[in-house]
Amino acid sequence: VASQLTWMRENGFVNFDRVFVIGFSLGA
């Protein structure tokens, strides 16, 4: 997931200042 988000930031699709990641149990 981090690799996808980093790629999205490098290509102008996301600003890390506007990203929340929410995980439950093992997902946390």
mmCIF file of all heavy atoms, coordinates in Angstrom:
data_MODEL
# 
_entry.id   MODEL 
# 
loop_
_atom_site.group_PDB 
_atom_site.id 
_atom_site.type_symbol 
_atom_site.label_atom_id 
_atom_site.label_alt_id 
_atom_site.label_comp_id 
_atom_site.label_asym_id 
_atom_site.label_entity_id 
_atom_site.label_seq_id 
_atom_site.pdbx_PDB_ins_code 
_atom_site.Cartn_x 
_atom_site.Cartn_y 
_atom_site.Cartn_z 
_atom_site.occupancy 
_atom_site.B_iso_or_equiv 
_atom_site.pdbx_formal_charge 
_atom_site.auth_seq_id 
_atom_site.auth_comp_id 
_atom_site.auth_asym_id 
_atom_site.auth_atom_id 
_atom_site.pdbx_PDB_model_num 
ATOM 1   N N   . VAL A 1 1  ? 0.840   -1.203  0.000   1.00 0.00 ? 1  VAL A N   1 
ATOM 2   C CA  . VAL A 1 1  ? 0.000   0.000   0.000   1.00 0.00 ? 1  VAL A CA  1 
ATOM 3   C C   . VAL A 1 1  ? 0.874   1.252   0.000   1.00 0.00 ? 1  VAL A C   1 
ATOM 4   O O   . VAL A 1 1  ? 0.585   2.229   -0.713  1.00 0.00 ? 1  VAL A O   1 
ATOM 5   C CB  . VAL A 1 1  ? -0.950  -0.002  1.212   1.00 0.00 ? 1  VAL A CB  1 
ATOM 6   C CG1 . VAL A 1 1  ? -1.749  1.288   1.270   1.00 0.00 ? 1  VAL A CG1 1 
ATOM 7   C CG2 . VAL A 1 1  ? -1.887  -1.206  1.146   1.00 0.00 ? 1  VAL A CG2 1 
ATOM 8   N N   . ALA A 1 2  ? 1.955   1.240   0.769   1.00 0.00 ? 2  ALA A N   1 
ATOM 9   C CA  . ALA A 1 2  ? 2.860   2.388   0.797   1.00 0.00 ? 2  ALA A CA  1 
ATOM 10  C C   . ALA A 1 2  ? 3.467   2.643   -0.573  1.00 0.00 ? 2  ALA A C   1 
ATOM 11  O O   . ALA A 1 2  ? 3.625   3.808   -0.990  1.00 0.00 ? 2  ALA A O   1 
ATOM 12  C CB  . ALA A 1 2  ? 3.961   2.156   1.835   1.00 0.00 ? 2  ALA A CB  1 
ATOM 13  N N   . SER A 1 3  ? 3.800   1.580   -1.292  1.00 0.00 ? 3  SER A N   1 
ATOM 14  C CA  . SER A 1 3  ? 4.360   1.735   -2.627  1.00 0.00 ? 3  SER A CA  1 
ATOM 15  C C   . SER A 1 3  ? 3.359   2.389   -3.572  1.00 0.00 ? 3  SER A C   1 
ATOM 16  O O   . SER A 1 3  ? 3.706   3.272   -4.376  1.00 0.00 ? 3  SER A O   1 
ATOM 17  C CB  . SER A 1 3  ? 4.789   0.370   -3.171  1.00 0.00 ? 3  SER A CB  1 
ATOM 18  O OG  . SER A 1 3  ? 5.367   0.483   -4.450  1.00 0.00 ? 3  SER A OG  1 
ATOM 19  N N   . GLN A 1 4  ? 2.085   1.981   -3.467  1.00 0.00 ? 4  GLN A N   1 
ATOM 20  C CA  . GLN A 1 4  ? 1.041   2.595   -4.294  1.00 0.00 ? 4  GLN A CA  1 
ATOM 21  C C   . GLN A 1 4  ? 0.860   4.074   -3.942  1.00 0.00 ? 4  GLN A C   1 
ATOM 22  O O   . GLN A 1 4  ? 0.775   4.928   -4.836  1.00 0.00 ? 4  GLN A O   1 
ATOM 23  C CB  . GLN A 1 4  ? -0.281  1.852   -4.099  1.00 0.00 ? 4  GLN A CB  1 
ATOM 24  C CG  . GLN A 1 4  ? -1.485  2.489   -4.783  1.00 0.00 ? 4  GLN A CG  1 
ATOM 25  C CD  . GLN A 1 4  ? -1.487  2.334   -6.299  1.00 0.00 ? 4  GLN A CD  1 
ATOM 26  O OE1 . GLN A 1 4  ? -0.715  1.570   -6.857  1.00 0.00 ? 4  GLN A OE1 1 
ATOM 27  N NE2 . GLN A 1 4  ? -2.367  3.072   -6.963  1.00 0.00 ? 4  GLN A NE2 1 
ATOM 28  N N   . LEU A 1 5  ? 0.812   4.399   -2.655  1.00 0.00 ? 5  LEU A N   1 
ATOM 29  C CA  . LEU A 1 5  ? 0.621   5.789   -2.245  1.00 0.00 ? 5  LEU A CA  1 
ATOM 30  C C   . LEU A 1 5  ? 1.802   6.656   -2.659  1.00 0.00 ? 5  LEU A C   1 
ATOM 31  O O   . LEU A 1 5  ? 1.617   7.809   -3.078  1.00 0.00 ? 5  LEU A O   1 
ATOM 32  C CB  . LEU A 1 5  ? 0.409   5.868   -0.733  1.00 0.00 ? 5  LEU A CB  1 
ATOM 33  C CG  . LEU A 1 5  ? -0.874  5.236   -0.185  1.00 0.00 ? 5  LEU A CG  1 
ATOM 34  C CD1 . LEU A 1 5  ? -0.932  5.385   1.330   1.00 0.00 ? 5  LEU A CD1 1 
ATOM 35  C CD2 . LEU A 1 5  ? -2.110  5.850   -0.826  1.00 0.00 ? 5  LEU A CD2 1 
ATOM 36  N N   . THR A 1 6  ? 3.002   6.135   -2.517  1.00 0.00 ? 6  THR A N   1 
ATOM 37  C CA  . THR A 1 6  ? 4.189   6.900   -2.922  1.00 0.00 ? 6  THR A CA  1 
ATOM 38  C C   . THR A 1 6  ? 4.160   7.177   -4.417  1.00 0.00 ? 6  THR A C   1 
ATOM 39  O O   . THR A 1 6  ? 4.460   8.291   -4.876  1.00 0.00 ? 6  THR A O   1 
ATOM 40  C CB  . THR A 1 6  ? 5.467   6.126   -2.543  1.00 0.00 ? 6  THR A CB  1 
ATOM 41  O OG1 . THR A 1 6  ? 5.493   5.933   -1.128  1.00 0.00 ? 6  THR A OG1 1 
ATOM 42  C CG2 . THR A 1 6  ? 6.711   6.875   -2.984  1.00 0.00 ? 6  THR A CG2 1 
ATOM 43  N N   . TRP A 1 7  ? 3.789   6.167   -5.198  1.00 0.00 ? 7  TRP A N   1 
ATOM 44  C CA  . TRP A 1 7  ? 3.657   6.350   -6.646  1.00 0.00 ? 7  TRP A CA  1 
ATOM 45  C C   . TRP A 1 7  ? 2.580   7.388   -6.967  1.00 0.00 ? 7  TRP A C   1 
ATOM 46  O O   . TRP A 1 7  ? 2.769   8.241   -7.850  1.00 0.00 ? 7  TRP A O   1 
ATOM 47  C CB  . TRP A 1 7  ? 3.320   5.012   -7.282  1.00 0.00 ? 7  TRP A CB  1 
ATOM 48  C CG  . TRP A 1 7  ? 3.020   5.085   -8.748  1.00 0.00 ? 7  TRP A CG  1 
ATOM 49  C CD1 . TRP A 1 7  ? 3.904   5.092   -9.786  1.00 0.00 ? 7  TRP A CD1 1 
ATOM 50  C CD2 . TRP A 1 7  ? 1.715   5.180   -9.339  1.00 0.00 ? 7  TRP A CD2 1 
ATOM 51  N NE1 . TRP A 1 7  ? 3.243   5.175   -10.975 1.00 0.00 ? 7  TRP A NE1 1 
ATOM 52  C CE2 . TRP A 1 7  ? 1.905   5.231   -10.737 1.00 0.00 ? 7  TRP A CE2 1 
ATOM 53  C CE3 . TRP A 1 7  ? 0.425   5.209   -8.820  1.00 0.00 ? 7  TRP A CE3 1 
ATOM 54  C CZ2 . TRP A 1 7  ? 0.830   5.312   -11.616 1.00 0.00 ? 7  TRP A CZ2 1 
ATOM 55  C CZ3 . TRP A 1 7  ? -0.647  5.303   -9.698  1.00 0.00 ? 7  TRP A CZ3 1 
ATOM 56  C CH2 . TRP A 1 7  ? -0.440  5.351   -11.080 1.00 0.00 ? 7  TRP A CH2 1 
ATOM 57  N N   . MET A 1 8  ? 1.460   7.341   -6.256  1.00 0.00 ? 8  MET A N   1 
ATOM 58  C CA  . MET A 1 8  ? 0.391   8.318   -6.499  1.00 0.00 ? 8  MET A CA  1 
ATOM 59  C C   . MET A 1 8  ? 0.861   9.728   -6.187  1.00 0.00 ? 8  MET A C   1 
ATOM 60  O O   . MET A 1 8  ? 0.541   10.678  -6.900  1.00 0.00 ? 8  MET A O   1 
ATOM 61  C CB  . MET A 1 8  ? -0.843  7.948   -5.658  1.00 0.00 ? 8  MET A CB  1 
ATOM 62  C CG  . MET A 1 8  ? -1.551  6.686   -6.127  1.00 0.00 ? 8  MET A CG  1 
ATOM 63  S SD  . MET A 1 8  ? -2.887  6.139   -5.019  1.00 0.00 ? 8  MET A SD  1 
ATOM 64  C CE  . MET A 1 8  ? -4.075  7.466   -5.241  1.00 0.00 ? 8  MET A CE  1 
ATOM 65  N N   . ARG A 1 9  ? 1.629   9.885   -5.119  1.00 0.00 ? 9  ARG A N   1 
ATOM 66  C CA  . ARG A 1 9  ? 2.153   11.216  -4.794  1.00 0.00 ? 9  ARG A CA  1 
ATOM 67  C C   . ARG A 1 9  ? 3.128   11.684  -5.868  1.00 0.00 ? 9  ARG A C   1 
ATOM 68  O O   . ARG A 1 9  ? 3.068   12.843  -6.302  1.00 0.00 ? 9  ARG A O   1 
ATOM 69  C CB  . ARG A 1 9  ? 2.848   11.200  -3.436  1.00 0.00 ? 9  ARG A CB  1 
ATOM 70  C CG  . ARG A 1 9  ? 3.367   12.576  -3.023  1.00 0.00 ? 9  ARG A CG  1 
ATOM 71  C CD  . ARG A 1 9  ? 4.071   12.567  -1.695  1.00 0.00 ? 9  ARG A CD  1 
ATOM 72  N NE  . ARG A 1 9  ? 5.289   11.768  -1.735  1.00 0.00 ? 9  ARG A NE  1 
ATOM 73  C CZ  . ARG A 1 9  ? 6.202   11.761  -0.768  1.00 0.00 ? 9  ARG A CZ  1 
ATOM 74  N NH1 . ARG A 1 9  ? 6.016   12.509  0.315   1.00 0.00 ? 9  ARG A NH1 1 
ATOM 75  N NH2 . ARG A 1 9  ? 7.276   11.016  -0.870  1.00 0.00 ? 9  ARG A NH2 1 
ATOM 76  N N   . GLU A 1 10 ? 4.005   10.815  -6.328  1.00 0.00 ? 10 GLU A N   1 
ATOM 77  C CA  . GLU A 1 10 ? 4.988   11.188  -7.349  1.00 0.00 ? 10 GLU A CA  1 
ATOM 78  C C   . GLU A 1 10 ? 4.324   11.600  -8.653  1.00 0.00 ? 10 GLU A C   1 
ATOM 79  O O   . GLU A 1 10 ? 4.887   12.397  -9.417  1.00 0.00 ? 10 GLU A O   1 
ATOM 80  C CB  . GLU A 1 10 ? 5.934   10.009  -7.596  1.00 0.00 ? 10 GLU A CB  1 
ATOM 81  C CG  . GLU A 1 10 ? 6.860   9.709   -6.420  1.00 0.00 ? 10 GLU A CG  1 
ATOM 82  C CD  . GLU A 1 10 ? 7.610   8.402   -6.591  1.00 0.00 ? 10 GLU A CD  1 
ATOM 83  O OE1 . GLU A 1 10 ? 7.251   7.616   -7.510  1.00 0.00 ? 10 GLU A OE1 1 
ATOM 84  O OE2 . GLU A 1 10 ? 8.540   8.148   -5.802  1.00 0.00 ? 10 GLU A OE2 1 
ATOM 85  N N   . ASN A 1 11 ? 3.116   11.091  -8.898  1.00 0.00 ? 11 ASN A N   1 
ATOM 86  C CA  . ASN A 1 11 ? 2.403   11.404  -10.130 1.00 0.00 ? 11 ASN A CA  1 
ATOM 87  C C   . ASN A 1 11 ? 1.297   12.439  -9.934  1.00 0.00 ? 11 ASN A C   1 
ATOM 88  O O   . ASN A 1 11 ? 0.465   12.640  -10.832 1.00 0.00 ? 11 ASN A O   1 
ATOM 89  C CB  . ASN A 1 11 ? 1.832   10.123  -10.740 1.00 0.00 ? 11 ASN A CB  1 
ATOM 90  C CG  . ASN A 1 11 ? 2.892   9.261   -11.390 1.00 0.00 ? 11 ASN A CG  1 
ATOM 91  O OD1 . ASN A 1 11 ? 3.246   9.464   -12.545 1.00 0.00 ? 11 ASN A OD1 1 
ATOM 92  N ND2 . ASN A 1 11 ? 3.429   8.310   -10.634 1.00 0.00 ? 11 ASN A ND2 1 
ATOM 93  N N   . GLY A 1 12 ? 1.279   13.085  -8.785  1.00 0.00 ? 12 GLY A N   1 
ATOM 94  C CA  . GLY A 1 12 ? 0.356   14.186  -8.548  1.00 0.00 ? 12 GLY A CA  1 
ATOM 95  C C   . GLY A 1 12 ? -1.063  13.794  -8.220  1.00 0.00 ? 12 GLY A C   1 
ATOM 96  O O   . GLY A 1 12 ? -1.983  14.627  -8.307  1.00 0.00 ? 12 GLY A O   1 
ATOM 97  N N   . PHE A 1 13 ? -1.280  12.541  -7.790  1.00 0.00 ? 13 PHE A N   1 
ATOM 98  C CA  . PHE A 1 13 ? -2.634  12.096  -7.476  1.00 0.00 ? 13 PHE A CA  1 
ATOM 99  C C   . PHE A 1 13 ? -2.990  12.229  -6.002  1.00 0.00 ? 13 PHE A C   1 
ATOM 100 O O   . PHE A 1 13 ? -4.162  12.101  -5.636  1.00 0.00 ? 13 PHE A O   1 
ATOM 101 C CB  . PHE A 1 13 ? -2.816  10.633  -7.900  1.00 0.00 ? 13 PHE A CB  1 
ATOM 102 C CG  . PHE A 1 13 ? -2.838  10.440  -9.383  1.00 0.00 ? 13 PHE A CG  1 
ATOM 103 C CD1 . PHE A 1 13 ? -1.739  9.885   -10.028 1.00 0.00 ? 13 PHE A CD1 1 
ATOM 104 C CD2 . PHE A 1 13 ? -3.930  10.815  -10.143 1.00 0.00 ? 13 PHE A CD2 1 
ATOM 105 C CE1 . PHE A 1 13 ? -1.742  9.703   -11.394 1.00 0.00 ? 13 PHE A CE1 1 
ATOM 106 C CE2 . PHE A 1 13 ? -3.944  10.641  -11.514 1.00 0.00 ? 13 PHE A CE2 1 
ATOM 107 C CZ  . PHE A 1 13 ? -2.842  10.082  -12.152 1.00 0.00 ? 13 PHE A CZ  1 
ATOM 108 N N   . VAL A 1 14 ? -2.020  12.441  -5.141  1.00 0.00 ? 14 VAL A N   1 
ATOM 109 C CA  . VAL A 1 14 ? -2.317  12.518  -3.723  1.00 0.00 ? 14 VAL A CA  1 
ATOM 110 C C   . VAL A 1 14 ? -1.310  13.397  -3.012  1.00 0.00 ? 14 VAL A C   1 
ATOM 111 O O   . VAL A 1 14 ? -0.137  13.490  -3.414  1.00 0.00 ? 14 VAL A O   1 
ATOM 112 C CB  . VAL A 1 14 ? -2.329  11.100  -3.089  1.00 0.00 ? 14 VAL A CB  1 
ATOM 113 C CG1 . VAL A 1 14 ? -0.921  10.533  -2.937  1.00 0.00 ? 14 VAL A CG1 1 
ATOM 114 C CG2 . VAL A 1 14 ? -3.032  11.100  -1.755  1.00 0.00 ? 14 VAL A CG2 1 
ATOM 115 N N   . ASN A 1 15 ? -1.792  14.074  -1.983  1.00 0.00 ? 15 ASN A N   1 
ATOM 116 C CA  . ASN A 1 15 ? -0.955  14.860  -1.083  1.00 0.00 ? 15 ASN A CA  1 
ATOM 117 C C   . ASN A 1 15 ? -0.985  14.155  0.263   1.00 0.00 ? 15 ASN A C   1 
ATOM 118 O O   . ASN A 1 15 ? -2.057  13.951  0.838   1.00 0.00 ? 15 ASN A O   1 
ATOM 119 C CB  . ASN A 1 15 ? -1.527  16.282  -0.970  1.00 0.00 ? 15 ASN A CB  1 
ATOM 120 C CG  . ASN A 1 15 ? -0.717  17.180  -0.062  1.00 0.00 ? 15 ASN A CG  1 
ATOM 121 O OD1 . ASN A 1 15 ? 0.055   16.715  0.775   1.00 0.00 ? 15 ASN A OD1 1 
ATOM 122 N ND2 . ASN A 1 15 ? -0.898  18.486  -0.205  1.00 0.00 ? 15 ASN A ND2 1 
ATOM 123 N N   . PHE A 1 16 ? 0.163   13.754  0.784   1.00 0.00 ? 16 PHE A N   1 
ATOM 124 C CA  . PHE A 1 16 ? 0.194   13.011  2.039   1.00 0.00 ? 16 PHE A CA  1 
ATOM 125 C C   . PHE A 1 16 ? -0.435  13.794  3.192   1.00 0.00 ? 16 PHE A C   1 
ATOM 126 O O   . PHE A 1 16 ? -0.848  13.195  4.186   1.00 0.00 ? 16 PHE A O   1 
ATOM 127 C CB  . PHE A 1 16 ? 1.630   12.636  2.395   1.00 0.00 ? 16 PHE A CB  1 
ATOM 128 C CG  . PHE A 1 16 ? 2.149   11.418  1.666   1.00 0.00 ? 16 PHE A CG  1 
ATOM 129 C CD1 . PHE A 1 16 ? 1.376   10.760  0.725   1.00 0.00 ? 16 PHE A CD1 1 
ATOM 130 C CD2 . PHE A 1 16 ? 3.418   10.935  1.924   1.00 0.00 ? 16 PHE A CD2 1 
ATOM 131 C CE1 . PHE A 1 16 ? 1.848   9.641   0.054   1.00 0.00 ? 16 PHE A CE1 1 
ATOM 132 C CE2 . PHE A 1 16 ? 3.912   9.820   1.265   1.00 0.00 ? 16 PHE A CE2 1 
ATOM 133 C CZ  . PHE A 1 16 ? 3.119   9.172   0.331   1.00 0.00 ? 16 PHE A CZ  1 
ATOM 134 N N   . ASP A 1 17 ? -0.526  15.105  3.061   1.00 0.00 ? 17 ASP A N   1 
ATOM 135 C CA  . ASP A 1 17 ? -1.170  15.913  4.099   1.00 0.00 ? 17 ASP A CA  1 
ATOM 136 C C   . ASP A 1 17 ? -2.673  15.677  4.161   1.00 0.00 ? 17 ASP A C   1 
ATOM 137 O O   . ASP A 1 17 ? -3.337  16.157  5.095   1.00 0.00 ? 17 ASP A O   1 
ATOM 138 C CB  . ASP A 1 17 ? -0.921  17.402  3.852   1.00 0.00 ? 17 ASP A CB  1 
ATOM 139 C CG  . ASP A 1 17 ? 0.524   17.796  4.068   1.00 0.00 ? 17 ASP A CG  1 
ATOM 140 O OD1 . ASP A 1 17 ? 1.261   17.023  4.713   1.00 0.00 ? 17 ASP A OD1 1 
ATOM 141 O OD2 . ASP A 1 17 ? 0.929   18.873  3.593   1.00 0.00 ? 17 ASP A OD2 1 
ATOM 142 N N   . ARG A 1 18 ? -3.224  14.964  3.188   1.00 0.00 ? 18 ARG A N   1 
ATOM 143 C CA  . ARG A 1 18 ? -4.670  14.740  3.128   1.00 0.00 ? 18 ARG A CA  1 
ATOM 144 C C   . ARG A 1 18 ? -5.009  13.245  3.137   1.00 0.00 ? 18 ARG A C   1 
ATOM 145 O O   . ARG A 1 18 ? -6.056  12.836  2.651   1.00 0.00 ? 18 ARG A O   1 
ATOM 146 C CB  . ARG A 1 18 ? -5.251  15.412  1.882   1.00 0.00 ? 18 ARG A CB  1 
ATOM 147 C CG  . ARG A 1 18 ? -4.883  16.885  1.758   1.00 0.00 ? 18 ARG A CG  1 
ATOM 148 C CD  . ARG A 1 18 ? -5.555  17.518  0.572   1.00 0.00 ? 18 ARG A CD  1 
ATOM 149 N NE  . ARG A 1 18 ? -6.947  17.806  0.831   1.00 0.00 ? 18 ARG A NE  1 
ATOM 150 C CZ  . ARG A 1 18 ? -7.828  18.141  -0.109  1.00 0.00 ? 18 ARG A CZ  1 
ATOM 151 N NH1 . ARG A 1 18 ? -7.475  18.190  -1.382  1.00 0.00 ? 18 ARG A NH1 1 
ATOM 152 N NH2 . ARG A 1 18 ? -9.082  18.408  0.211   1.00 0.00 ? 18 ARG A NH2 1 
ATOM 153 N N   . VAL A 1 19 ? -4.103  12.451  3.701   1.00 0.00 ? 19 VAL A N   1 
ATOM 154 C CA  . VAL A 1 19 ? -4.303  11.004  3.726   1.00 0.00 ? 19 VAL A CA  1 
ATOM 155 C C   . VAL A 1 19 ? -4.498  10.519  5.153   1.00 0.00 ? 19 VAL A C   1 
ATOM 156 O O   . VAL A 1 19 ? -3.684  10.791  6.041   1.00 0.00 ? 19 VAL A O   1 
ATOM 157 C CB  . VAL A 1 19 ? -3.099  10.265  3.094   1.00 0.00 ? 19 VAL A CB  1 
ATOM 158 C CG1 . VAL A 1 19 ? -3.291  8.742   3.222   1.00 0.00 ? 19 VAL A CG1 1 
ATOM 159 C CG2 . VAL A 1 19 ? -2.928  10.654  1.639   1.00 0.00 ? 19 VAL A CG2 1 
ATOM 160 N N   . PHE A 1 20 ? -5.599  9.798   5.388   1.00 0.00 ? 20 PHE A N   1 
ATOM 161 C CA  . PHE A 1 20 ? -5.842  9.068   6.627   1.00 0.00 ? 20 PHE A CA  1 
ATOM 162 C C   . PHE A 1 20 ? -5.832  7.579   6.279   1.00 0.00 ? 20 PHE A C   1 
ATOM 163 O O   . PHE A 1 20 ? -6.469  7.170   5.311   1.00 0.00 ? 20 PHE A O   1 
ATOM 164 C CB  . PHE A 1 20 ? -7.211  9.398   7.219   1.00 0.00 ? 20 PHE A CB  1 
ATOM 165 C CG  . PHE A 1 20 ? -7.294  10.698  7.954   1.00 0.00 ? 20 PHE A CG  1 
ATOM 166 C CD1 . PHE A 1 20 ? -7.234  11.908  7.277   1.00 0.00 ? 20 PHE A CD1 1 
ATOM 167 C CD2 . PHE A 1 20 ? -7.466  10.719  9.330   1.00 0.00 ? 20 PHE A CD2 1 
ATOM 168 C CE1 . PHE A 1 20 ? -7.337  13.105  7.958   1.00 0.00 ? 20 PHE A CE1 1 
ATOM 169 C CE2 . PHE A 1 20 ? -7.573  11.914  10.021  1.00 0.00 ? 20 PHE A CE2 1 
ATOM 170 C CZ  . PHE A 1 20 ? -7.504  13.110  9.341   1.00 0.00 ? 20 PHE A CZ  1 
ATOM 171 N N   . VAL A 1 21 ? -5.163  6.766   7.083   1.00 0.00 ? 21 VAL A N   1 
ATOM 172 C CA  . VAL A 1 21 ? -5.218  5.314   6.939   1.00 0.00 ? 21 VAL A CA  1 
ATOM 173 C C   . VAL A 1 21 ? -5.852  4.753   8.202   1.00 0.00 ? 21 VAL A C   1 
ATOM 174 O O   . VAL A 1 21 ? -5.396  5.046   9.316   1.00 0.00 ? 21 VAL A O   1 
ATOM 175 C CB  . VAL A 1 21 ? -3.822  4.704   6.725   1.00 0.00 ? 21 VAL A CB  1 
ATOM 176 C CG1 . VAL A 1 21 ? -3.934  3.190   6.543   1.00 0.00 ? 21 VAL A CG1 1 
ATOM 177 C CG2 . VAL A 1 21 ? -3.134  5.331   5.515   1.00 0.00 ? 21 VAL A CG2 1 
ATOM 178 N N   . ILE A 1 22 ? -6.908  3.980   8.039   1.00 0.00 ? 22 ILE A N   1 
ATOM 179 C CA  . ILE A 1 22 ? -7.658  3.423   9.170   1.00 0.00 ? 22 ILE A CA  1 
ATOM 180 C C   . ILE A 1 22 ? -7.639  1.907   9.054   1.00 0.00 ? 22 ILE A C   1 
ATOM 181 O O   . ILE A 1 22 ? -8.058  1.346   8.035   1.00 0.00 ? 22 ILE A O   1 
ATOM 182 C CB  . ILE A 1 22 ? -9.116  3.925   9.181   1.00 0.00 ? 22 ILE A CB  1 
ATOM 183 C CG1 . ILE A 1 22 ? -9.164  5.462   9.246   1.00 0.00 ? 22 ILE A CG1 1 
ATOM 184 C CG2 . ILE A 1 22 ? -9.879  3.326   10.360  1.00 0.00 ? 22 ILE A CG2 1 
ATOM 185 C CD1 . ILE A 1 22 ? -9.544  6.124   7.946   1.00 0.00 ? 22 ILE A CD1 1 
ATOM 186 N N   . GLY A 1 23 ? -7.147  1.229   10.097  1.00 0.00 ? 23 GLY A N   1 
ATOM 187 C CA  . GLY A 1 23 ? -7.086  -0.221  10.064  1.00 0.00 ? 23 GLY A CA  1 
ATOM 188 C C   . GLY A 1 23 ? -7.663  -0.841  11.318  1.00 0.00 ? 23 GLY A C   1 
ATOM 189 O O   . GLY A 1 23 ? -7.549  -0.280  12.408  1.00 0.00 ? 23 GLY A O   1 
ATOM 190 N N   . PHE A 1 24 ? -8.280  -2.007  11.162  1.00 0.00 ? 24 PHE A N   1 
ATOM 191 C CA  . PHE A 1 24 ? -8.875  -2.728  12.281  1.00 0.00 ? 24 PHE A CA  1 
ATOM 192 C C   . PHE A 1 24 ? -8.095  -3.998  12.565  1.00 0.00 ? 24 PHE A C   1 
ATOM 193 O O   . PHE A 1 24 ? -7.765  -4.764  11.652  1.00 0.00 ? 24 PHE A O   1 
ATOM 194 C CB  . PHE A 1 24 ? -10.336 -3.085  11.965  1.00 0.00 ? 24 PHE A CB  1 
ATOM 195 C CG  . PHE A 1 24 ? -10.938 -4.104  12.896  1.00 0.00 ? 24 PHE A CG  1 
ATOM 196 C CD1 . PHE A 1 24 ? -11.067 -3.826  14.249  1.00 0.00 ? 24 PHE A CD1 1 
ATOM 197 C CD2 . PHE A 1 24 ? -11.360 -5.338  12.432  1.00 0.00 ? 24 PHE A CD2 1 
ATOM 198 C CE1 . PHE A 1 24 ? -11.607 -4.772  15.126  1.00 0.00 ? 24 PHE A CE1 1 
ATOM 199 C CE2 . PHE A 1 24 ? -11.906 -6.280  13.275  1.00 0.00 ? 24 PHE A CE2 1 
ATOM 200 C CZ  . PHE A 1 24 ? -12.029 -5.992  14.642  1.00 0.00 ? 24 PHE A CZ  1 
ATOM 201 N N   . SER A 1 25 ? -7.782  -4.255  13.848  1.00 0.00 ? 25 SER A N   1 
ATOM 202 C CA  . SER A 1 25 ? -7.159  -5.484  14.305  1.00 0.00 ? 25 SER A CA  1 
ATOM 203 C C   . SER A 1 25 ? -5.812  -5.692  13.616  1.00 0.00 ? 25 SER A C   1 
ATOM 204 O O   . SER A 1 25 ? -4.922  -4.854  13.740  1.00 0.00 ? 25 SER A O   1 
ATOM 205 C CB  . SER A 1 25 ? -8.123  -6.661  14.090  1.00 0.00 ? 25 SER A CB  1 
ATOM 206 O OG  . SER A 1 25 ? -7.663  -7.814  14.735  1.00 0.00 ? 25 SER A OG  1 
ATOM 207 N N   . LEU A 1 26 ? -5.620  -6.785  12.872  1.00 0.00 ? 26 LEU A N   1 
ATOM 208 C CA  . LEU A 1 26 ? -4.384  -6.927  12.114  1.00 0.00 ? 26 LEU A CA  1 
ATOM 209 C C   . LEU A 1 26 ? -4.218  -5.786  11.115  1.00 0.00 ? 26 LEU A C   1 
ATOM 210 O O   . LEU A 1 26 ? -3.097  -5.365  10.806  1.00 0.00 ? 26 LEU A O   1 
ATOM 211 C CB  . LEU A 1 26 ? -4.365  -8.265  11.364  1.00 0.00 ? 26 LEU A CB  1 
ATOM 212 C CG  . LEU A 1 26 ? -4.108  -9.531  12.182  1.00 0.00 ? 26 LEU A CG  1 
ATOM 213 C CD1 . LEU A 1 26 ? -4.049  -10.745 11.257  1.00 0.00 ? 26 LEU A CD1 1 
ATOM 214 C CD2 . LEU A 1 26 ? -2.826  -9.430  12.995  1.00 0.00 ? 26 LEU A CD2 1 
ATOM 215 N N   . GLY A 1 27 ? -5.335  -5.280  10.620  1.00 0.00 ? 27 GLY A N   1 
ATOM 216 C CA  . GLY A 1 27 ? -5.278  -4.159  9.684   1.00 0.00 ? 27 GLY A CA  1 
ATOM 217 C C   . GLY A 1 27 ? -4.701  -2.902  10.294  1.00 0.00 ? 27 GLY A C   1 
ATOM 218 O O   . GLY A 1 27 ? -4.134  -2.058  9.590   1.00 0.00 ? 27 GLY A O   1 
ATOM 219 N N   . ALA A 1 28 ? -4.833  -2.748  11.627  1.00 0.00 ? 28 ALA A N   1 
ATOM 220 C CA  . ALA A 1 28 ? -4.220  -1.597  12.292  1.00 0.00 ? 28 ALA A CA  1 
ATOM 221 C C   . ALA A 1 28 ? -2.703  -1.676  12.197  1.00 0.00 ? 28 ALA A C   1 
ATOM 222 O O   . ALA A 1 28 ? -2.022  -0.667  11.981  1.00 0.00 ? 28 ALA A O   1 
ATOM 223 C CB  . ALA A 1 28 ? -4.665  -1.531  13.748  1.00 0.00 ? 28 ALA A CB  1 
# 
